[in-house]
Amino acid sequence: LQIPKIAVVGDQSSGKSSLIESIFGISLPRGEDIVTRTPIQVEHRYSDGEAYAELSFRSSPDSEELIKKRIADLSTIDDEVREATRRVAGSGKGVVDSPIYLRVYTNKLPDLTVLDLPGITRNAVEGQPEDIEEIINTMIESHIAGETTVVLAIVQANVDFSTAAAIKLAKKFDPNRDRTMVSPSCC
């Protein structure tokens, strides 16, 4: 049995990570420019015991070495994910398709898996390759192509839904919108 996951897709700084924070009750890295530079798979697992999290990631995109860390204080998740991102993607503004896995154990939610993807970017900034839009779109496509992936397209409220990049990407793999949800973002 393959359990569906929700892939959150949208423009850079459209509120994807903020939405995930509100669902899981945790803090993820946020800020100006590109912050989510790797896919971050956030899983919630129901637990009657003490709340904690587990973080795992490859020490670099080409490495087989898996780094695992237990996080006892959920308020430090933001810093831990930020450091994992730096280790995986470097300290610049580049993106890599080497996921960071965050599993949160609490008694607040049922089991749930959500994938936070880098935001769609149209123009490279200093420190990014000129084809950053293509790199990110290819990465997003590889994660939403699966039949058991539900696409949650985040569209800023002041954007025409019919021309939104996130919806265009979702339509490519789900033309009938059987597994696509659209959510406006106010900020």
C-alpha atoms as a PDB file:
ATOM      1  CA  LEU A   1       0.000   0.000   0.000  1.00  0.00           C
ATOM      2  CA  GLN A   2       1.532   3.284  -1.090  1.00  0.00           C
ATOM      3  CA  ILE A   3       0.328   6.162   1.067  1.00  0.00           C
ATOM      4  CA  PRO A   4      -0.220   9.406  -0.843  1.00  0.00           C
ATOM      5  CA  LYS A   5       1.917  12.419  -0.136  1.00  0.00           C
ATOM      6  CA  ILE A   6       1.052  16.045  -0.719  1.00  0.00           C
ATOM      7  CA  ALA A   7       3.550  18.040  -2.803  1.00  0.00           C
ATOM      8  CA  VAL A   8       3.300  21.778  -2.193  1.00  0.00           C
ATOM      9  CA  VAL A   9       4.096  23.709  -5.378  1.00  0.00           C
ATOM     10  CA  GLY A  10       4.131  27.452  -5.993  1.00  0.00           C
ATOM     11  CA  ASP A  11       6.169  30.518  -6.755  1.00  0.00           C
ATOM     12  CA  GLN A  12       9.119  31.467  -4.604  1.00  0.00           C
ATOM     13  CA  SER A  13       7.946  33.223  -1.428  1.00  0.00           C
ATOM     14  CA  SER A  14       4.270  32.367  -2.064  1.00  0.00           C
ATOM     15  CA  GLY A  15       3.668  30.919   1.410  1.00  0.00           C
ATOM     16  CA  LYS A  16       4.360  27.201   0.848  1.00  0.00           C
ATOM     17  CA  SER A  17       6.531  26.733   3.941  1.00  0.00           C
ATOM     18  CA  SER A  18       4.188  28.905   6.025  1.00  0.00           C
ATOM     19  CA  LEU A  19       1.274  26.642   5.102  1.00  0.00           C
ATOM     20  CA  ILE A  20       3.251  23.556   6.117  1.00  0.00           C
ATOM     21  CA  GLU A  21       4.218  25.237   9.390  1.00  0.00           C
ATOM     22  CA  SER A  22       0.582  25.877  10.228  1.00  0.00           C
ATOM     23  CA  ILE A  23      -0.401  22.271   9.466  1.00  0.00           C
ATOM     24  CA  PHE A  24       2.385  20.677  11.505  1.00  0.00           C
ATOM     25  CA  GLY A  25       2.734  23.304  14.245  1.00  0.00           C
ATOM     26  CA  ILE A  26       6.479  23.695  13.653  1.00  0.00           C
ATOM     27  CA  SER A  27       8.779  26.406  12.282  1.00  0.00           C
ATOM     28  CA  LEU A  28      10.636  25.945   9.019  1.00  0.00           C
ATOM     29  CA  PRO A  29      13.234  28.299   7.541  1.00  0.00           C
ATOM     30  CA  ARG A  30      11.726  31.360   5.916  1.00  0.00           C
ATOM     31  CA  GLY A  31      13.119  34.608   4.607  1.00  0.00           C
ATOM     32  CA  GLU A  32      13.797  36.666   1.526  1.00  0.00           C
ATOM     33  CA  ASP A  33      15.205  35.207  -1.672  1.00  0.00           C
ATOM     34  CA  ILE A  34      15.244  31.450  -2.062  1.00  0.00           C
ATOM     35  CA  VAL A  35      15.166  29.638   1.290  1.00  0.00           C
ATOM     36  CA  THR A  36      13.823  26.164   0.410  1.00  0.00           C
ATOM     37  CA  ARG A  37      16.728  24.985  -1.769  1.00  0.00           C
ATOM     38  CA  THR A  38      16.137  21.231  -1.505  1.00  0.00           C
ATOM     39  CA  PRO A  39      12.926  19.239  -1.348  1.00  0.00           C
ATOM     40  CA  ILE A  40      11.960  18.890   2.316  1.00  0.00           C
ATOM     41  CA  GLN A  41       9.733  15.922   3.075  1.00  0.00           C
ATOM     42  CA  VAL A  42       7.881  16.585   6.319  1.00  0.00           C
ATOM     43  CA  GLU A  43       6.158  13.578   7.840  1.00  0.00           C
ATOM     44  CA  HIS A  44       3.977  13.482  10.891  1.00  0.00           C
ATOM     45  CA  ARG A  45       3.712  10.247  12.793  1.00  0.00           C
ATOM     46  CA  TYR A  46       1.191   9.965  15.590  1.00  0.00           C
ATOM     47  CA  SER A  47       2.772   9.195  18.956  1.00  0.00           C
ATOM     48  CA  ASP A  48       1.308   9.115  22.457  1.00  0.00           C
ATOM     49  CA  GLY A  49       4.765   9.665  23.908  1.00  0.00           C
ATOM     50  CA  GLU A  50       6.972  12.708  24.121  1.00  0.00           C
ATOM     51  CA  ALA A  51       7.062  15.018  21.080  1.00  0.00           C
ATOM     52  CA  TYR A  52      10.305  14.941  19.097  1.00  0.00           C
ATOM     53  CA  ALA A  53      11.568  14.984  15.516  1.00  0.00           C
ATOM     54  CA  GLU A  54      14.087  13.121  13.408  1.00  0.00           C
ATOM     55  CA  LEU A  55      16.056  14.781  10.632  1.00  0.00           C
ATOM     56  CA  SER A  56      17.974  12.893   7.965  1.00  0.00           C
ATOM     57  CA  PHE A  57      19.822  14.003   4.849  1.00  0.00           C
ATOM     58  CA  ARG A  58      22.798  13.139   2.661  1.00  0.00           C
ATOM     59  CA  SER A  59      26.000  14.956   3.603  1.00  0.00           C
ATOM     60  CA  SER A  60      26.166  16.172  -0.023  1.00  0.00           C
ATOM     61  CA  PRO A  61      24.101  15.470  -3.159  1.00  0.00           C
ATOM     62  CA  ASP A  62      26.672  12.956  -4.448  1.00  0.00           C
ATOM     63  CA  SER A  63      27.342  11.252  -1.124  1.00  0.00           C
ATOM     64  CA  GLU A  64      25.904   7.984   0.130  1.00  0.00           C
ATOM     65  CA  GLU A  65      26.574   9.068   3.732  1.00  0.00           C
ATOM     66  CA  LEU A  66      23.271   9.609   5.525  1.00  0.00           C
ATOM     67  CA  ILE A  67      23.291  11.978   8.476  1.00  0.00           C
ATOM     68  CA  LYS A  68      20.584  11.361  11.079  1.00  0.00           C
ATOM     69  CA  LYS A  69      19.745  13.603  13.986  1.00  0.00           C
ATOM     70  CA  ARG A  70      17.146  13.426  16.754  1.00  0.00           C
ATOM     71  CA  ILE A  71      15.589  16.769  17.706  1.00  0.00           C
ATOM     72  CA  ALA A  72      14.178  16.804  21.228  1.00  0.00           C
ATOM     73  CA  ASP A  73      13.165  20.485  21.177  1.00  0.00           C
ATOM     74  CA  LEU A  74      10.713  21.104  18.310  1.00  0.00           C
ATOM     75  CA  SER A  75      11.371  24.855  18.523  1.00  0.00           C
ATOM     76  CA  THR A  76      14.851  24.252  17.037  1.00  0.00           C
ATOM     77  CA  ILE A  77      13.586  22.559  13.843  1.00  0.00           C
ATOM     78  CA  ASP A  78      14.003  25.796  11.859  1.00  0.00           C
ATOM     79  CA  ASP A  79      17.718  26.039  12.728  1.00  0.00           C
ATOM     80  CA  GLU A  80      18.323  22.322  12.176  1.00  0.00           C
ATOM     81  CA  VAL A  81      16.688  22.358   8.718  1.00  0.00           C
ATOM     82  CA  ARG A  82      18.573  25.540   7.798  1.00  0.00           C
ATOM     83  CA  GLU A  83      21.875  23.867   8.731  1.00  0.00           C
ATOM     84  CA  ALA A  84      20.952  20.669   6.859  1.00  0.00           C
ATOM     85  CA  THR A  85      20.130  22.780   3.785  1.00  0.00           C
ATOM     86  CA  ARG A  86      23.504  24.503   4.011  1.00  0.00           C
ATOM     87  CA  ARG A  87      25.278  21.156   4.232  1.00  0.00           C
ATOM     88  CA  VAL A  88      23.341  19.620   1.329  1.00  0.00           C
ATOM     89  CA  ALA A  89      23.024  22.605  -1.035  1.00  0.00           C
ATOM     90  CA  GLY A  90      25.961  24.750   0.033  1.00  0.00           C
ATOM     91  CA  SER A  91      25.924  28.265   1.396  1.00  0.00           C
ATOM     92  CA  GLY A  92      24.970  29.969  -1.889  1.00  0.00           C
ATOM     93  CA  LYS A  93      21.593  30.290  -3.560  1.00  0.00           C
ATOM     94  CA  GLY A  94      21.698  27.154  -5.682  1.00  0.00           C
ATOM     95  CA  VAL A  95      19.164  24.321  -5.492  1.00  0.00           C
ATOM     96  CA  VAL A  96      19.769  20.571  -5.436  1.00  0.00           C
ATOM     97  CA  ASP A  97      17.400  17.630  -5.713  1.00  0.00           C
ATOM     98  CA  SER A  98      18.735  15.878  -2.629  1.00  0.00           C
ATOM     99  CA  PRO A  99      15.827  15.722  -0.162  1.00  0.00           C
ATOM    100  CA  ILE A 100      15.925  16.492   3.520  1.00  0.00           C
ATOM    101  CA  TYR A 101      13.611  14.246   5.539  1.00  0.00           C
ATOM    102  CA  LEU A 102      11.947  15.571   8.681  1.00  0.00           C
ATOM    103  CA  ARG A 103       9.747  13.234  10.687  1.00  0.00           C
ATOM    104  CA  VAL A 104       7.771  14.812  13.537  1.00  0.00           C
ATOM    105  CA  TYR A 105       6.234  12.692  16.308  1.00  0.00           C
ATOM    106  CA  THR A 106       3.348  14.238  18.281  1.00  0.00           C
ATOM    107  CA  ASN A 107      -0.195  13.422  19.319  1.00  0.00           C
ATOM    108  CA  LYS A 108      -1.634  16.421  17.441  1.00  0.00           C
ATOM    109  CA  LEU A 109      -2.173  14.952  13.935  1.00  0.00           C
ATOM    110  CA  PRO A 110      -2.756  11.660  12.174  1.00  0.00           C
ATOM    111  CA  ASP A 111       0.007  10.284   9.951  1.00  0.00           C
ATOM    112  CA  LEU A 112       0.648  12.700   7.082  1.00  0.00           C
ATOM    113  CA  THR A 113       3.411  13.321   4.519  1.00  0.00           C
ATOM    114  CA  VAL A 114       3.941  16.712   2.863  1.00  0.00           C
ATOM    115  CA  LEU A 115       6.721  17.651   0.457  1.00  0.00           C
ATOM    116  CA  ASP A 116       7.926  21.263   0.498  1.00  0.00           C
ATOM    117  CA  LEU A 117       9.528  22.006  -2.871  1.00  0.00           C
ATOM    118  CA  PRO A 118      11.710  24.947  -3.912  1.00  0.00           C
ATOM    119  CA  GLY A 119       9.653  27.827  -5.244  1.00  0.00           C
ATOM    120  CA  ILE A 120       9.263  28.455  -8.944  1.00  0.00           C
ATOM    121  CA  THR A 121      11.742  31.120  -9.981  1.00  0.00           C
ATOM    122  CA  ARG A 122      11.789  32.879 -13.327  1.00  0.00           C
ATOM    123  CA  ASN A 123      14.958  34.951 -13.082  1.00  0.00           C
ATOM    124  CA  ALA A 124      18.337  33.917 -11.744  1.00  0.00           C
ATOM    125  CA  VAL A 125      19.853  36.053  -9.033  1.00  0.00           C
ATOM    126  CA  GLU A 126      23.550  36.326  -8.290  1.00  0.00           C
ATOM    127  CA  GLY A 127      24.884  32.923  -7.288  1.00  0.00           C
ATOM    128  CA  GLN A 128      22.306  30.942  -9.296  1.00  0.00           C
ATOM    129  CA  PRO A 129      22.713  29.340 -12.700  1.00  0.00           C
ATOM    130  CA  GLU A 130      21.020  31.157 -15.591  1.00  0.00           C
ATOM    131  CA  ASP A 131      18.729  28.160 -16.171  1.00  0.00           C
ATOM    132  CA  ILE A 132      17.404  28.149 -12.568  1.00  0.00           C
ATOM    133  CA  GLU A 133      13.783  28.164 -13.761  1.00  0.00           C
ATOM    134  CA  GLU A 134      14.329  25.000 -15.808  1.00  0.00           C
ATOM    135  CA  ILE A 135      16.252  23.318 -12.977  1.00  0.00           C
ATOM    136  CA  ILE A 136      13.474  23.983 -10.460  1.00  0.00           C
ATOM    137  CA  ASN A 137      10.670  23.032 -12.854  1.00  0.00           C
ATOM    138  CA  THR A 138      12.409  19.741 -13.682  1.00  0.00           C
ATOM    139  CA  MET A 139      12.845  19.038  -9.962  1.00  0.00           C
ATOM    140  CA  ILE A 140       9.175  19.795  -9.233  1.00  0.00           C
ATOM    141  CA  GLU A 141       8.024  17.649 -12.155  1.00  0.00           C
ATOM    142  CA  SER A 142      10.039  14.672 -10.917  1.00  0.00           C
ATOM    143  CA  HIS A 143       8.301  14.880  -7.537  1.00  0.00           C
ATOM    144  CA  ILE A 144       4.715  15.404  -8.758  1.00  0.00           C
ATOM    145  CA  ALA A 145       4.693  12.827 -11.566  1.00  0.00           C
ATOM    146  CA  GLY A 146       3.757   9.907  -9.291  1.00  0.00           C
ATOM    147  CA  GLU A 147       0.135   8.776  -9.385  1.00  0.00           C
ATOM    148  CA  THR A 148      -0.108   8.789  -5.581  1.00  0.00           C
ATOM    149  CA  THR A 149       1.147  12.355  -5.213  1.00  0.00           C
ATOM    150  CA  VAL A 150      -1.471  15.009  -4.511  1.00  0.00           C
ATOM    151  CA  VAL A 151      -0.402  18.409  -5.829  1.00  0.00           C
ATOM    152  CA  LEU A 152      -1.263  21.383  -3.628  1.00  0.00           C
ATOM    153  CA  ALA A 153      -0.733  24.409  -5.874  1.00  0.00           C
ATOM    154  CA  ILE A 154      -0.246  27.610  -3.894  1.00  0.00           C
ATOM    155  CA  VAL A 155      -1.191  30.672  -5.935  1.00  0.00           C
ATOM    156  CA  GLN A 156      -0.890  34.218  -4.693  1.00  0.00           C
ATOM    157  CA  ALA A 157      -4.340  35.815  -4.506  1.00  0.00           C
ATOM    158  CA  ASN A 158      -3.373  38.619  -6.899  1.00  0.00           C
ATOM    159  CA  VAL A 159      -2.383  36.164  -9.688  1.00  0.00           C
ATOM    160  CA  ASP A 160      -4.743  34.867 -12.372  1.00  0.00           C
ATOM    161  CA  PHE A 161      -5.232  31.177 -11.488  1.00  0.00           C
ATOM    162  CA  SER A 162      -5.464  30.208 -15.168  1.00  0.00           C
ATOM    163  CA  THR A 163      -1.923  31.435 -15.844  1.00  0.00           C
ATOM    164  CA  ALA A 164      -0.245  30.431 -12.574  1.00  0.00           C
ATOM    165  CA  ALA A 165       2.972  28.441 -13.076  1.00  0.00           C
ATOM    166  CA  ALA A 166       2.111  25.968 -10.290  1.00  0.00           C
ATOM    167  CA  ILE A 167      -1.200  25.097 -11.943  1.00  0.00           C
ATOM    168  CA  LYS A 168       0.462  24.715 -15.347  1.00  0.00           C
ATOM    169  CA  LEU A 169       2.964  22.243 -13.859  1.00  0.00           C
ATOM    170  CA  ALA A 170       0.197  20.292 -12.123  1.00  0.00           C
ATOM    171  CA  LYS A 171      -1.889  20.096 -15.328  1.00  0.00           C
ATOM    172  CA  LYS A 172       1.030  18.508 -17.152  1.00  0.00           C
ATOM    173  CA  PHE A 173       0.781  15.412 -14.925  1.00  0.00           C
ATOM    174  CA  ASP A 174      -2.848  15.670 -13.825  1.00  0.00           C
ATOM    175  CA  PRO A 175      -4.808  17.121 -16.768  1.00  0.00           C
ATOM    176  CA  ASN A 176      -8.191  16.235 -15.251  1.00  0.00           C
ATOM    177  CA  ARG A 177      -7.235  17.707 -11.861  1.00  0.00           C
ATOM    178  CA  ASP A 178      -8.086  14.454 -10.095  1.00  0.00           C
ATOM    179  CA  ARG A 179      -5.229  14.881  -7.643  1.00  0.00           C
ATOM    180  CA  THR A 180      -4.648  18.646  -7.706  1.00  0.00           C
ATOM    181  CA  MET A 181      -5.844  21.128  -5.101  1.00  0.00           C
ATOM    182  CA  VAL A 182      -5.429  24.897  -5.432  1.00  0.00           C
ATOM    183  CA  SER A 183      -5.049  27.230  -2.500  1.00  0.00           C
ATOM    184  CA  PRO A 184      -4.793  31.001  -2.705  1.00  0.00           C
ATOM    185  CA  SER A 185      -2.100  32.625  -0.616  1.00  0.00           C
ATOM    186  CA  CYS A 186      -2.712  36.041   0.819  1.00  0.00           C
ATOM    187  CA  CYS A 187       0.974  36.964   1.241  1.00  0.00           C
END
